[in-house]
PDB file of all heavy atoms in Angstrom:
ATOM      1  N   PRO A   1       0.630  -7.678 -14.281  1.00  0.00           N
ATOM      2  CA  PRO A   1       0.500  -6.803 -15.270  1.00  0.00           C
ATOM      3  C   PRO A   1      -0.868  -6.204 -15.365  1.00  0.00           C
ATOM      4  O   PRO A   1      -1.011  -5.030 -15.851  1.00  0.00           O
ATOM      5  CB  PRO A   1       0.810  -7.541 -16.609  1.00  0.00           C
ATOM      6  CG  PRO A   1       0.983  -8.980 -16.168  1.00  0.00           C
ATOM      7  CD  PRO A   1       1.084  -9.058 -14.635  1.00  0.00           C
ATOM      8  N   GLU A   2      -1.932  -6.906 -15.184  1.00  0.00           N
ATOM      9  CA  GLU A   2      -3.422  -6.321 -15.279  1.00  0.00           C
ATOM     10  C   GLU A   2      -3.519  -5.204 -14.285  1.00  0.00           C
ATOM     11  O   GLU A   2      -4.478  -4.504 -14.446  1.00  0.00           O
ATOM     12  CB  GLU A   2      -4.291  -7.530 -14.972  1.00  0.00           C
ATOM     13  CG  GLU A   2      -4.428  -8.079 -13.591  1.00  0.00           C
ATOM     14  CD  GLU A   2      -3.298  -9.125 -13.309  1.00  0.00           C
ATOM     15  OE1 GLU A   2      -2.500  -9.375 -14.216  1.00  0.00           O
ATOM     16  OE2 GLU A   2      -3.315  -9.691 -12.091  1.00  0.00           O
ATOM     17  N   GLN A   3      -2.788  -5.124 -13.276  1.00  0.00           N
ATOM     18  CA  GLN A   3      -2.974  -4.143 -12.279  1.00  0.00           C
ATOM     19  C   GLN A   3      -1.754  -3.125 -12.404  1.00  0.00           C
ATOM     20  O   GLN A   3      -1.457  -2.217 -11.356  1.00  0.00           O
ATOM     21  CB  GLN A   3      -3.159  -4.694 -10.840  1.00  0.00           C
ATOM     22  CG  GLN A   3      -4.379  -5.385 -10.588  1.00  0.00           C
ATOM     23  CD  GLN A   3      -4.552  -5.857  -9.380  1.00  0.00           C
ATOM     24  OE1 GLN A   3      -3.769  -5.894  -8.399  1.00  0.00           O
ATOM     25  NE2 GLN A   3      -5.852  -6.542  -9.101  1.00  0.00           N
ATOM     26  N   ASP A   4      -0.630  -3.371 -13.181  1.00  0.00           N
ATOM     27  CA  ASP A   4       0.505  -2.585 -13.329  1.00  0.00           C
ATOM     28  C   ASP A   4       1.130  -2.574 -11.883  1.00  0.00           C
ATOM     29  O   ASP A   4       1.409  -1.436 -11.357  1.00  0.00           O
ATOM     30  CB  ASP A   4       0.307  -1.276 -13.713  1.00  0.00           C
ATOM     31  CG  ASP A   4       1.510  -0.590 -14.400  1.00  0.00           C
ATOM     32  OD1 ASP A   4       2.391  -1.261 -14.754  1.00  0.00           O
ATOM     33  OD2 ASP A   4       1.530   0.672 -14.389  1.00  0.00           O
ATOM     34  N   TYR A   5       1.311  -3.770 -11.320  1.00  0.00           N
ATOM     35  CA  TYR A   5       1.786  -3.951  -9.970  1.00  0.00           C
ATOM     36  C   TYR A   5       2.799  -5.107  -9.838  1.00  0.00           C
ATOM     37  O   TYR A   5       2.630  -5.997 -10.661  1.00  0.00           O
ATOM     38  CB  TYR A   5       0.574  -4.119  -9.067  1.00  0.00           C
ATOM     39  CG  TYR A   5       0.836  -3.781  -7.507  1.00  0.00           C
ATOM     40  CD1 TYR A   5       0.816  -2.579  -7.033  1.00  0.00           C
ATOM     41  CD2 TYR A   5       1.084  -5.030  -6.657  1.00  0.00           C
ATOM     42  CE1 TYR A   5       1.003  -2.419  -5.722  1.00  0.00           C
ATOM     43  CE2 TYR A   5       1.161  -4.810  -5.432  1.00  0.00           C
ATOM     44  CZ  TYR A   5       1.156  -3.449  -4.793  1.00  0.00           C
ATOM     45  OH  TYR A   5       1.379  -3.142  -3.496  1.00  0.00           O
ATOM     46  N   THR A   6       3.699  -4.964  -8.867  1.00  0.00           N
ATOM     47  CA  THR A   6       4.558  -6.114  -8.596  1.00  0.00           C
ATOM     48  C   THR A   6       4.524  -6.432  -7.226  1.00  0.00           C
ATOM     49  O   THR A   6       4.750  -5.524  -6.292  1.00  0.00           O
ATOM     50  CB  THR A   6       6.114  -5.657  -8.933  1.00  0.00           C
ATOM     51  OG1 THR A   6       6.105  -5.252 -10.332  1.00  0.00           O
ATOM     52  CG2 THR A   6       7.034  -6.721  -8.710  1.00  0.00           C
ATOM     53  N   MET A   7       4.312  -7.801  -6.929  1.00  0.00           N
ATOM     54  CA  MET A   7       4.177  -8.252  -5.529  1.00  0.00           C
ATOM     55  C   MET A   7       5.603  -8.480  -5.094  1.00  0.00           C
ATOM     56  O   MET A   7       6.475  -8.988  -5.944  1.00  0.00           O
ATOM     57  CB  MET A   7       3.342  -9.428  -5.462  1.00  0.00           C
ATOM     58  CG  MET A   7       1.826  -9.266  -5.830  1.00  0.00           C
ATOM     59  SD  MET A   7       1.008  -8.223  -4.576  1.00  0.00           S
ATOM     60  CE  MET A   7       1.106  -9.172  -3.051  1.00  0.00           C
ATOM     61  N   ILE A   8       5.868  -8.380  -3.808  1.00  0.00           N
ATOM     62  CA  ILE A   8       7.167  -8.731  -3.248  1.00  0.00           C
ATOM     63  C   ILE A   8       7.138  -9.803  -2.115  1.00  0.00           C
ATOM     64  O   ILE A   8       6.202  -9.622  -1.207  1.00  0.00           O
ATOM     65  CB  ILE A   8       7.850  -7.417  -2.574  1.00  0.00           C
ATOM     66  CG1 ILE A   8       7.923  -6.303  -3.451  1.00  0.00           C
ATOM     67  CG2 ILE A   8       9.097  -7.782  -1.799  1.00  0.00           C
ATOM     68  CD1 ILE A   8       8.198  -4.969  -2.795  1.00  0.00           C
ATOM     69  N   ASP A   9       7.619 -10.808  -2.372  1.00  0.00           N
ATOM     70  CA  ASP A   9       7.643 -12.013  -1.471  1.00  0.00           C
ATOM     71  C   ASP A   9       8.930 -11.819  -0.678  1.00  0.00           C
ATOM     72  O   ASP A   9      10.069 -12.185  -1.248  1.00  0.00           O
ATOM     73  CB  ASP A   9       7.637 -13.380  -2.237  1.00  0.00           C
ATOM     74  CG  ASP A   9       7.481 -14.598  -1.355  1.00  0.00           C
ATOM     75  OD1 ASP A   9       7.732 -14.342  -0.046  1.00  0.00           O
ATOM     76  OD2 ASP A   9       7.570 -15.664  -1.856  1.00  0.00           O
ATOM     77  N   VAL A  10       8.869 -11.492   0.659  1.00  0.00           N
ATOM     78  CA  VAL A  10      10.018 -11.490   1.402  1.00  0.00           C
ATOM     79  C   VAL A  10      10.351 -12.693   2.168  1.00  0.00           C
ATOM     80  O   VAL A  10      11.408 -12.782   3.008  1.00  0.00           O
ATOM     81  CB  VAL A  10       9.811 -10.283   2.452  1.00  0.00           C
ATOM     82  CG1 VAL A  10       9.639  -8.993   1.773  1.00  0.00           C
ATOM     83  CG2 VAL A  10       8.788 -10.621   3.403  1.00  0.00           C
ATOM     84  N   GLY A  11       9.659 -13.842   1.865  1.00  0.00           N
ATOM     85  CA  GLY A  11       9.998 -15.129   2.562  1.00  0.00           C
ATOM     86  C   GLY A  11       9.178 -15.228   3.890  1.00  0.00           C
ATOM     87  O   GLY A  11       8.161 -16.004   3.909  1.00  0.00           O
ATOM     88  N   ALA A  12       9.525 -14.512   4.838  1.00  0.00           N
ATOM     89  CA  ALA A  12       8.803 -14.525   6.187  1.00  0.00           C
ATOM     90  C   ALA A  12       8.421 -13.192   6.656  1.00  0.00           C
ATOM     91  O   ALA A  12       9.161 -12.268   6.266  1.00  0.00           O
ATOM     92  CB  ALA A  12       9.642 -15.153   7.226  1.00  0.00           C
ATOM     93  N   GLY A  13       7.399 -12.946   7.229  1.00  0.00           N
ATOM     94  CA  GLY A  13       6.888 -11.623   7.801  1.00  0.00           C
ATOM     95  C   GLY A  13       6.022 -11.022   6.646  1.00  0.00           C
ATOM     96  O   GLY A  13       5.464 -11.608   5.833  1.00  0.00           O
ATOM     97  N   THR A  14       5.957  -9.699   6.811  1.00  0.00           N
ATOM     98  CA  THR A  14       4.980  -8.983   6.148  1.00  0.00           C
ATOM     99  C   THR A  14       5.594  -8.615   4.670  1.00  0.00           C
ATOM    100  O   THR A  14       6.733  -8.148   4.630  1.00  0.00           O
ATOM    101  CB  THR A  14       4.729  -7.609   6.729  1.00  0.00           C
ATOM    102  OG1 THR A  14       4.094  -7.859   7.959  1.00  0.00           O
ATOM    103  CG2 THR A  14       3.713  -6.763   6.003  1.00  0.00           C
ATOM    104  N   GLY A  15       4.856  -9.079   3.676  1.00  0.00           N
ATOM    105  CA  GLY A  15       5.369  -8.795   2.219  1.00  0.00           C
ATOM    106  C   GLY A  15       4.905  -7.399   1.788  1.00  0.00           C
ATOM    107  O   GLY A  15       4.468  -6.570   2.586  1.00  0.00           O
ATOM    108  N   GLY A  16       5.002  -7.308   0.499  1.00  0.00           N
ATOM    109  CA  GLY A  16       4.596  -5.955   0.038  1.00  0.00           C
ATOM    110  C   GLY A  16       4.368  -5.989  -1.544  1.00  0.00           C
ATOM    111  O   GLY A  16       4.175  -7.004  -2.087  1.00  0.00           O
ATOM    112  N   GLY A  17       4.553  -4.844  -2.065  1.00  0.00           N
ATOM    113  CA  GLY A  17       4.419  -4.575  -3.484  1.00  0.00           C
ATOM    114  C   GLY A  17       5.124  -3.384  -3.918  1.00  0.00           C
ATOM    115  O   GLY A  17       5.609  -2.593  -3.152  1.00  0.00           O
ATOM    116  N   MET A  18       5.261  -3.132  -5.181  1.00  0.00           N
ATOM    117  CA  MET A  18       5.763  -1.884  -5.668  1.00  0.00           C
ATOM    118  C   MET A  18       4.968  -1.484  -6.946  1.00  0.00           C
ATOM    119  O   MET A  18       4.617  -2.313  -7.653  1.00  0.00           O
ATOM    120  CB  MET A  18       7.350  -1.913  -5.844  1.00  0.00           C
ATOM    121  CG  MET A  18       7.749  -2.957  -6.882  1.00  0.00           C
ATOM    122  SD  MET A  18       9.620  -2.858  -7.096  1.00  0.00           S
ATOM    123  CE  MET A  18      10.303  -3.202  -5.461  1.00  0.00           C
ATOM    124  N   MET A  19       5.049  -0.219  -7.169  1.00  0.00           N
ATOM    125  CA  MET A  19       4.326   0.211  -8.374  1.00  0.00           C
ATOM    126  C   MET A  19       4.730   1.705  -8.807  1.00  0.00           C
ATOM    127  O   MET A  19       5.398   2.371  -7.879  1.00  0.00           O
ATOM    128  CB  MET A  19       2.780   0.399  -8.100  1.00  0.00           C
ATOM    129  CG  MET A  19       2.352   1.429  -6.775  1.00  0.00           C
ATOM    130  SD  MET A  19       0.735   1.331  -6.393  1.00  0.00           S
ATOM    131  CE  MET A  19       0.020   2.588  -7.519  1.00  0.00           C
ATOM    132  N   LYS A  20       4.416   2.046  -9.877  1.00  0.00           N
ATOM    133  CA  LYS A  20       4.835   3.411 -10.320  1.00  0.00           C
ATOM    134  C   LYS A  20       3.984   4.365  -9.597  1.00  0.00           C
ATOM    135  O   LYS A  20       2.773   4.069  -9.257  1.00  0.00           O
ATOM    136  CB  LYS A  20       4.577   3.581 -11.847  1.00  0.00           C
ATOM    137  CG  LYS A  20       5.043   4.915 -12.460  1.00  0.00           C
ATOM    138  CD  LYS A  20       5.232   4.637 -13.920  1.00  0.00           C
ATOM    139  CE  LYS A  20       5.816   5.974 -14.562  1.00  0.00           C
ATOM    140  NZ  LYS A  20       7.042   6.330 -14.128  1.00  0.00           N
ATOM    141  N   LYS A  21       4.511   5.542  -9.175  1.00  0.00           N
ATOM    142  CA  LYS A  21       3.733   6.601  -8.374  1.00  0.00           C
ATOM    143  C   LYS A  21       2.482   6.946  -9.081  1.00  0.00           C
ATOM    144  O   LYS A  21       2.530   7.127 -10.346  1.00  0.00           O
ATOM    145  CB  LYS A  21       4.663   7.710  -8.155  1.00  0.00           C
ATOM    146  CG  LYS A  21       5.808   7.610  -7.365  1.00  0.00           C
ATOM    147  CD  LYS A  21       6.549   8.810  -7.009  1.00  0.00           C
ATOM    148  CE  LYS A  21       6.902   9.660  -8.206  1.00  0.00           C
ATOM    149  NZ  LYS A  21       7.822  10.759  -7.971  1.00  0.00           N
ATOM    150  N   PRO A  22       1.396   6.992  -8.367  1.00  0.00           N
ATOM    151  CA  PRO A  22       0.169   7.349  -9.030  1.00  0.00           C
ATOM    152  C   PRO A  22      -0.001   8.836  -9.458  1.00  0.00           C
ATOM    153  O   PRO A  22      -0.658   9.093 -10.377  1.00  0.00           O
ATOM    154  CB  PRO A  22      -0.955   7.020  -7.983  1.00  0.00           C
ATOM    155  CG  PRO A  22      -0.141   7.009  -6.773  1.00  0.00           C
ATOM    156  CD  PRO A  22       1.236   6.621  -6.898  1.00  0.00           C
ATOM    157  N   MET A  23       0.867   9.694  -8.875  1.00  0.00           N
ATOM    158  CA  MET A  23       0.962  11.118  -9.307  1.00  0.00           C
ATOM    159  C   MET A  23       2.398  11.433  -9.367  1.00  0.00           C
ATOM    160  O   MET A  23       3.172  11.205  -8.497  1.00  0.00           O
ATOM    161  CB  MET A  23       0.259  11.960  -8.322  1.00  0.00           C
ATOM    162  CG  MET A  23      -1.236  11.622  -8.046  1.00  0.00           C
ATOM    163  SD  MET A  23      -1.940  12.533  -6.687  1.00  0.00           S
ATOM    164  CE  MET A  23      -1.249  11.622  -5.249  1.00  0.00           C
ATOM    165  N   ALA A  24       2.687  12.177 -10.503  1.00  0.00           N
ATOM    166  CA  ALA A  24       4.151  12.486 -10.625  1.00  0.00           C
ATOM    167  C   ALA A  24       4.649  13.352  -9.515  1.00  0.00           C
ATOM    168  O   ALA A  24       5.946  13.162  -9.135  1.00  0.00           O
ATOM    169  CB  ALA A  24       4.309  13.229 -11.905  1.00  0.00           C
ATOM    170  N   GLU A  25       3.853  14.219  -8.955  1.00  0.00           N
ATOM    171  CA  GLU A  25       4.381  15.009  -7.790  1.00  0.00           C
ATOM    172  C   GLU A  25       4.538  14.272  -6.451  1.00  0.00           C
ATOM    173  O   GLU A  25       5.081  14.897  -5.558  1.00  0.00           O
ATOM    174  CB  GLU A  25       3.531  16.254  -7.728  1.00  0.00           C
ATOM    175  CG  GLU A  25       1.990  16.029  -7.067  1.00  0.00           C
ATOM    176  CD  GLU A  25       1.071  15.674  -8.232  1.00  0.00           C
ATOM    177  OE1 GLU A  25       1.442  15.440  -9.457  1.00  0.00           O
ATOM    178  OE2 GLU A  25      -0.100  15.461  -8.022  1.00  0.00           O
ATOM    179  N   ALA A  26       3.970  13.130  -6.454  1.00  0.00           N
ATOM    180  CA  ALA A  26       4.098  12.342  -5.196  1.00  0.00           C
ATOM    181  C   ALA A  26       5.575  11.942  -4.957  1.00  0.00           C
ATOM    182  O   ALA A  26       6.275  11.757  -5.875  1.00  0.00           O
ATOM    183  CB  ALA A  26       3.204  11.177  -5.178  1.00  0.00           C
ATOM    184  N   PRO A  27       5.963  11.872  -3.615  1.00  0.00           N
ATOM    185  CA  PRO A  27       7.300  11.429  -3.387  1.00  0.00           C
ATOM    186  C   PRO A  27       7.620  10.056  -3.602  1.00  0.00           C
ATOM    187  O   PRO A  27       6.574   9.219  -3.495  1.00  0.00           O
ATOM    188  CB  PRO A  27       7.514  11.842  -1.838  1.00  0.00           C
ATOM    189  CG  PRO A  27       6.237  11.717  -1.409  1.00  0.00           C
ATOM    190  CD  PRO A  27       5.238  12.205  -2.378  1.00  0.00           C
ATOM    191  N   THR A  28       8.695   9.597  -3.954  1.00  0.00           N
ATOM    192  CA  THR A  28       9.164   8.108  -3.918  1.00  0.00           C
ATOM    193  C   THR A  28       9.196   7.856  -2.459  1.00  0.00           C
ATOM    194  O   THR A  28       9.881   8.420  -1.660  1.00  0.00           O
ATOM    195  CB  THR A  28      10.461   7.942  -4.668  1.00  0.00           C
ATOM    196  OG1 THR A  28      10.305   8.236  -6.015  1.00  0.00           O
ATOM    197  CG2 THR A  28      10.955   6.439  -4.606  1.00  0.00           C
ATOM    198  N   GLN A  29       8.423   6.759  -2.102  1.00  0.00           N
ATOM    199  CA  GLN A  29       8.432   6.393  -0.584  1.00  0.00           C
ATOM    200  C   GLN A  29       7.803   4.957  -0.430  1.00  0.00           C
ATOM    201  O   GLN A  29       7.074   4.459  -1.415  1.00  0.00           O
ATOM    202  CB  GLN A  29       7.593   7.329   0.193  1.00  0.00           C
ATOM    203  CG  GLN A  29       6.050   7.309  -0.231  1.00  0.00           C
ATOM    204  CD  GLN A  29       5.271   8.400   0.444  1.00  0.00           C
ATOM    205  OE1 GLN A  29       5.768   9.105   1.289  1.00  0.00           O
ATOM    206  NE2 GLN A  29       4.073   8.386   0.162  1.00  0.00           N
ATOM    207  N   TRP A  30       8.233   4.442   0.726  1.00  0.00           N
ATOM    208  CA  TRP A  30       7.546   3.255   1.157  1.00  0.00           C
ATOM    209  C   TRP A  30       6.307   3.588   2.039  1.00  0.00           C
ATOM    210  O   TRP A  30       6.361   4.539   2.747  1.00  0.00           O
ATOM    211  CB  TRP A  30       8.508   2.429   2.043  1.00  0.00           C
ATOM    212  CG  TRP A  30       9.614   1.788   1.344  1.00  0.00           C
ATOM    213  CD1 TRP A  30      10.872   2.146   1.062  1.00  0.00           C
ATOM    214  CD2 TRP A  30       9.499   0.560   0.662  1.00  0.00           C
ATOM    215  NE1 TRP A  30      11.526   1.310   0.292  1.00  0.00           N
ATOM    216  CE2 TRP A  30      10.674   0.144   0.036  1.00  0.00           C
ATOM    217  CE3 TRP A  30       8.387  -0.561   0.647  1.00  0.00           C
ATOM    218  CZ2 TRP A  30      10.856  -1.017  -0.627  1.00  0.00           C
ATOM    219  CZ3 TRP A  30       8.701  -1.624  -0.084  1.00  0.00           C
ATOM    220  CH2 TRP A  30       9.885  -1.939  -0.693  1.00  0.00           C
ATOM    221  N   LEU A  31       5.261   2.950   1.791  1.00  0.00           N
ATOM    222  CA  LEU A  31       4.047   3.198   2.649  1.00  0.00           C
ATOM    223  C   LEU A  31       3.545   1.935   3.157  1.00  0.00           C
ATOM    224  O   LEU A  31       3.188   0.904   2.511  1.00  0.00           O
ATOM    225  CB  LEU A  31       2.943   3.640   1.587  1.00  0.00           C
ATOM    226  CG  LEU A  31       1.493   4.008   2.282  1.00  0.00           C
ATOM    227  CD1 LEU A  31       1.735   5.266   3.161  1.00  0.00           C
ATOM    228  CD2 LEU A  31       0.510   4.317   1.163  1.00  0.00           C
ATOM    229  N   PRO A  32       3.556   1.842   4.501  1.00  0.00           N
ATOM    230  CA  PRO A  32       2.948   0.602   5.234  1.00  0.00           C
ATOM    231  C   PRO A  32       1.444   0.688   5.307  1.00  0.00           C
ATOM    232  O   PRO A  32       0.807   1.771   5.357  1.00  0.00           O
ATOM    233  CB  PRO A  32       3.543   0.738   6.687  1.00  0.00           C
ATOM    234  CG  PRO A  32       3.699   2.253   6.875  1.00  0.00           C
ATOM    235  CD  PRO A  32       4.039   2.980   5.488  1.00  0.00           C
ATOM    236  N   TYR A  33       0.792  -0.527   5.315  1.00  0.00           N
ATOM    237  CA  TYR A  33      -0.578  -0.625   5.520  1.00  0.00           C
ATOM    238  C   TYR A  33      -0.752  -1.428   6.668  1.00  0.00           C
ATOM    239  O   TYR A  33      -0.215  -2.467   6.981  1.00  0.00           O
ATOM    240  CB  TYR A  33      -1.222  -1.356   4.307  1.00  0.00           C
ATOM    241  CG  TYR A  33      -1.285  -0.496   3.098  1.00  0.00           C
ATOM    242  CD1 TYR A  33      -0.182  -0.379   2.153  1.00  0.00           C
ATOM    243  CD2 TYR A  33      -2.473  -0.003   2.549  1.00  0.00           C
ATOM    244  CE1 TYR A  33      -0.346   0.264   1.022  1.00  0.00           C
ATOM    245  CE2 TYR A  33      -2.450   0.823   1.533  1.00  0.00           C
ATOM    246  CZ  TYR A  33      -1.500   0.910   0.672  1.00  0.00           C
ATOM    247  OH  TYR A  33      -1.497   1.779  -0.424  1.00  0.00           O
ATOM    248  N   VAL A  34      -1.804  -0.964   7.436  1.00  0.00           N
ATOM    249  CA  VAL A  34      -2.313  -1.704   8.739  1.00  0.00           C
ATOM    250  C   VAL A  34      -3.660  -2.452   8.484  1.00  0.00           C
ATOM    251  O   VAL A  34      -4.458  -1.752   7.855  1.00  0.00           O
ATOM    252  CB  VAL A  34      -2.372  -0.597   9.905  1.00  0.00           C
ATOM    253  CG1 VAL A  34      -2.916  -1.100  11.040  1.00  0.00           C
ATOM    254  CG2 VAL A  34      -1.080   0.150  10.064  1.00  0.00           C
ATOM    255  N   MET A  35      -3.603  -3.566   9.004  1.00  0.00           N
ATOM    256  CA  MET A  35      -4.895  -4.377   8.863  1.00  0.00           C
ATOM    257  C   MET A  35      -6.009  -3.762   9.847  1.00  0.00           C
ATOM    258  O   MET A  35      -5.773  -3.471  11.094  1.00  0.00           O
ATOM    259  CB  MET A  35      -4.678  -5.758   9.393  1.00  0.00           C
ATOM    260  CG  MET A  35      -5.820  -6.623   9.388  1.00  0.00           C
ATOM    261  SD  MET A  35      -6.206  -7.213   7.685  1.00  0.00           S
ATOM    262  CE  MET A  35      -4.847  -8.275   7.364  1.00  0.00           C
ATOM    263  N   VAL A  36      -7.137  -3.697   9.220  1.00  0.00           N
ATOM    264  CA  VAL A  36      -8.371  -3.111  10.054  1.00  0.00           C
ATOM    265  C   VAL A  36      -9.630  -3.748   9.645  1.00  0.00           C
ATOM    266  O   VAL A  36      -9.655  -4.460   8.614  1.00  0.00           O
ATOM    267  CB  VAL A  36      -8.561  -1.535   9.708  1.00  0.00           C
ATOM    268  CG1 VAL A  36      -7.431  -0.587  10.229  1.00  0.00           C
ATOM    269  CG2 VAL A  36      -8.892  -1.213   8.196  1.00  0.00           C
ATOM    270  N   GLU A  37     -10.598  -3.708  10.462  1.00  0.00           N
ATOM    271  CA  GLU A  37     -11.831  -4.468  10.196  1.00  0.00           C
ATOM    272  C   GLU A  37     -12.725  -3.646   9.132  1.00  0.00           C
ATOM    273  O   GLU A  37     -13.379  -4.254   8.335  1.00  0.00           O
ATOM    274  CB  GLU A  37     -12.731  -4.641  11.472  1.00  0.00           C
ATOM    275  CG  GLU A  37     -12.200  -5.612  12.464  1.00  0.00           C
ATOM    276  CD  GLU A  37     -13.032  -5.859  13.572  1.00  0.00           C
ATOM    277  OE1 GLU A  37     -14.355  -5.776  13.363  1.00  0.00           O
ATOM    278  OE2 GLU A  37     -12.559  -6.064  14.635  1.00  0.00           O
ATOM    279  N   SER A  38     -12.519  -2.271   9.155  1.00  0.00           N
ATOM    280  CA  SER A  38     -13.346  -1.459   8.272  1.00  0.00           C
ATOM    281  C   SER A  38     -12.527  -0.316   7.916  1.00  0.00           C
ATOM    282  O   SER A  38     -12.199   0.494   8.572  1.00  0.00           O
ATOM    283  CB  SER A  38     -14.653  -1.010   8.940  1.00  0.00           C
ATOM    284  OG  SER A  38     -15.327   0.012   8.063  1.00  0.00           O
ATOM    285  N   VAL A  39     -12.147  -0.215   6.522  1.00  0.00           N
ATOM    286  CA  VAL A  39     -11.469   0.983   6.056  1.00  0.00           C
ATOM    287  C   VAL A  39     -12.298   2.131   6.213  1.00  0.00           C
ATOM    288  O   VAL A  39     -11.778   3.256   6.649  1.00  0.00           O
ATOM    289  CB  VAL A  39     -11.244   0.875   4.502  1.00  0.00           C
ATOM    290  CG1 VAL A  39     -10.663   2.104   3.913  1.00  0.00           C
ATOM    291  CG2 VAL A  39     -10.064  -0.231   4.295  1.00  0.00           C
ATOM    292  N   LYS A  40     -13.622   2.182   5.912  1.00  0.00           N
ATOM    293  CA  LYS A  40     -14.359   3.383   6.044  1.00  0.00           C
ATOM    294  C   LYS A  40     -14.427   3.919   7.532  1.00  0.00           C
ATOM    295  O   LYS A  40     -14.340   5.152   7.668  1.00  0.00           O
ATOM    296  CB  LYS A  40     -15.817   3.093   5.533  1.00  0.00           C
ATOM    297  CG  LYS A  40     -15.808   2.955   3.987  1.00  0.00           C
ATOM    298  CD  LYS A  40     -17.204   2.591   3.404  1.00  0.00           C
ATOM    299  CE  LYS A  40     -17.155   2.433   1.979  1.00  0.00           C
ATOM    300  NZ  LYS A  40     -18.478   1.956   1.443  1.00  0.00           N
ATOM    301  N   LYS A  41     -14.721   2.949   8.437  1.00  0.00           N
ATOM    302  CA  LYS A  41     -14.711   3.486   9.885  1.00  0.00           C
ATOM    303  C   LYS A  41     -13.401   3.935  10.290  1.00  0.00           C
ATOM    304  O   LYS A  41     -13.335   5.032  10.968  1.00  0.00           O
ATOM    305  CB  LYS A  41     -15.157   2.357  10.684  1.00  0.00           C
ATOM    306  CG  LYS A  41     -16.683   2.004  10.657  1.00  0.00           C
ATOM    307  CD  LYS A  41     -16.960   0.750  11.415  1.00  0.00           C
ATOM    308  CE  LYS A  41     -18.454   0.470  11.203  1.00  0.00           C
ATOM    309  NZ  LYS A  41     -18.921  -0.758  12.087  1.00  0.00           N
ATOM    310  N   THR A  42     -12.314   3.318   9.916  1.00  0.00           N
ATOM    311  CA  THR A  42     -10.952   3.624  10.360  1.00  0.00           C
ATOM    312  C   THR A  42     -10.577   5.093   9.713  1.00  0.00           C
ATOM    313  O   THR A  42     -10.039   5.924  10.356  1.00  0.00           O
ATOM    314  CB  THR A  42      -9.936   2.652   9.979  1.00  0.00           C
ATOM    315  OG1 THR A  42     -10.375   1.549  10.564  1.00  0.00           O
ATOM    316  CG2 THR A  42      -8.483   3.122  10.509  1.00  0.00           C
ATOM    317  N   ILE A  43     -10.901   5.272   8.478  1.00  0.00           N
ATOM    318  CA  ILE A  43     -10.511   6.530   7.809  1.00  0.00           C
ATOM    319  C   ILE A  43     -11.400   7.660   8.530  1.00  0.00           C
ATOM    320  O   ILE A  43     -10.914   8.783   8.764  1.00  0.00           O
ATOM    321  CB  ILE A  43     -11.048   6.519   6.276  1.00  0.00           C
ATOM    322  CG1 ILE A  43      -9.970   5.513   5.580  1.00  0.00           C
ATOM    323  CG2 ILE A  43     -11.009   7.784   5.576  1.00  0.00           C
ATOM    324  CD1 ILE A  43      -8.544   6.231   5.416  1.00  0.00           C
ATOM    325  N   GLU A  44     -12.602   7.545   8.791  1.00  0.00           N
ATOM    326  CA  GLU A  44     -13.323   8.542   9.544  1.00  0.00           C
ATOM    327  C   GLU A  44     -12.857   8.691  10.885  1.00  0.00           C
ATOM    328  O   GLU A  44     -12.770   9.898  11.272  1.00  0.00           O
ATOM    329  CB  GLU A  44     -14.891   7.901   9.590  1.00  0.00           C
ATOM    330  CG  GLU A  44     -15.791   9.055  10.228  1.00  0.00           C
ATOM    331  CD  GLU A  44     -15.857  10.414   9.557  1.00  0.00           C
ATOM    332  OE1 GLU A  44     -15.442  10.472   8.319  1.00  0.00           O
ATOM    333  OE2 GLU A  44     -16.125  11.444  10.138  1.00  0.00           O
ATOM    334  N   LYS A  45     -12.354   7.827  11.726  1.00  0.00           N
ATOM    335  CA  LYS A  45     -11.697   8.117  12.917  1.00  0.00           C
ATOM    336  C   LYS A  45     -10.593   8.875  12.811  1.00  0.00           C
ATOM    337  O   LYS A  45     -10.178   9.750  13.502  1.00  0.00           O
ATOM    338  CB  LYS A  45     -11.448   6.694  13.633  1.00  0.00           C
ATOM    339  CG  LYS A  45     -12.529   5.952  14.236  1.00  0.00           C
ATOM    340  CD  LYS A  45     -12.250   4.557  14.769  1.00  0.00           C
ATOM    341  CE  LYS A  45     -11.165   4.473  15.596  1.00  0.00           C
ATOM    342  NZ  LYS A  45     -10.982   3.080  16.262  1.00  0.00           N
ATOM    343  N   ALA A  46      -9.657   8.486  11.780  1.00  0.00           N
ATOM    344  CA  ALA A  46      -8.346   9.207  11.517  1.00  0.00           C
ATOM    345  C   ALA A  46      -8.757  10.688  11.131  1.00  0.00           C
ATOM    346  O   ALA A  46      -8.133  11.636  11.555  1.00  0.00           O
ATOM    347  CB  ALA A  46      -7.734   8.517  10.394  1.00  0.00           C
ATOM    348  N   ARG A  47      -9.735  10.916  10.280  1.00  0.00           N
ATOM    349  CA  ARG A  47     -10.164  12.232   9.857  1.00  0.00           C
ATOM    350  C   ARG A  47     -10.589  12.972  11.078  1.00  0.00           C
ATOM    351  O   ARG A  47     -10.149  14.208  11.250  1.00  0.00           O
ATOM    352  CB  ARG A  47     -11.307  12.274   8.927  1.00  0.00           C
ATOM    353  CG  ARG A  47     -11.637  13.619   8.302  1.00  0.00           C
ATOM    354  CD  ARG A  47     -12.897  13.630   7.566  1.00  0.00           C
ATOM    355  NE  ARG A  47     -14.014  13.444   8.239  1.00  0.00           N
ATOM    356  CZ  ARG A  47     -14.672  14.145   9.254  1.00  0.00           C
ATOM    357  NH1 ARG A  47     -14.119  15.256   9.493  1.00  0.00           N
ATOM    358  NH2 ARG A  47     -15.613  13.667   9.884  1.00  0.00           N
TER     359      ARG A  47
END
């Protein structure tokens, strides 16, 4: 509740979470996250 977030325990494998969309115009969707050593460096490479 302190983060307005719900964790999902799937038992085995990659778990997840769910939350209210941060922006009303954003689509309802699943978003995967990939493990990286540095968010800043990876975001810059992606840009």
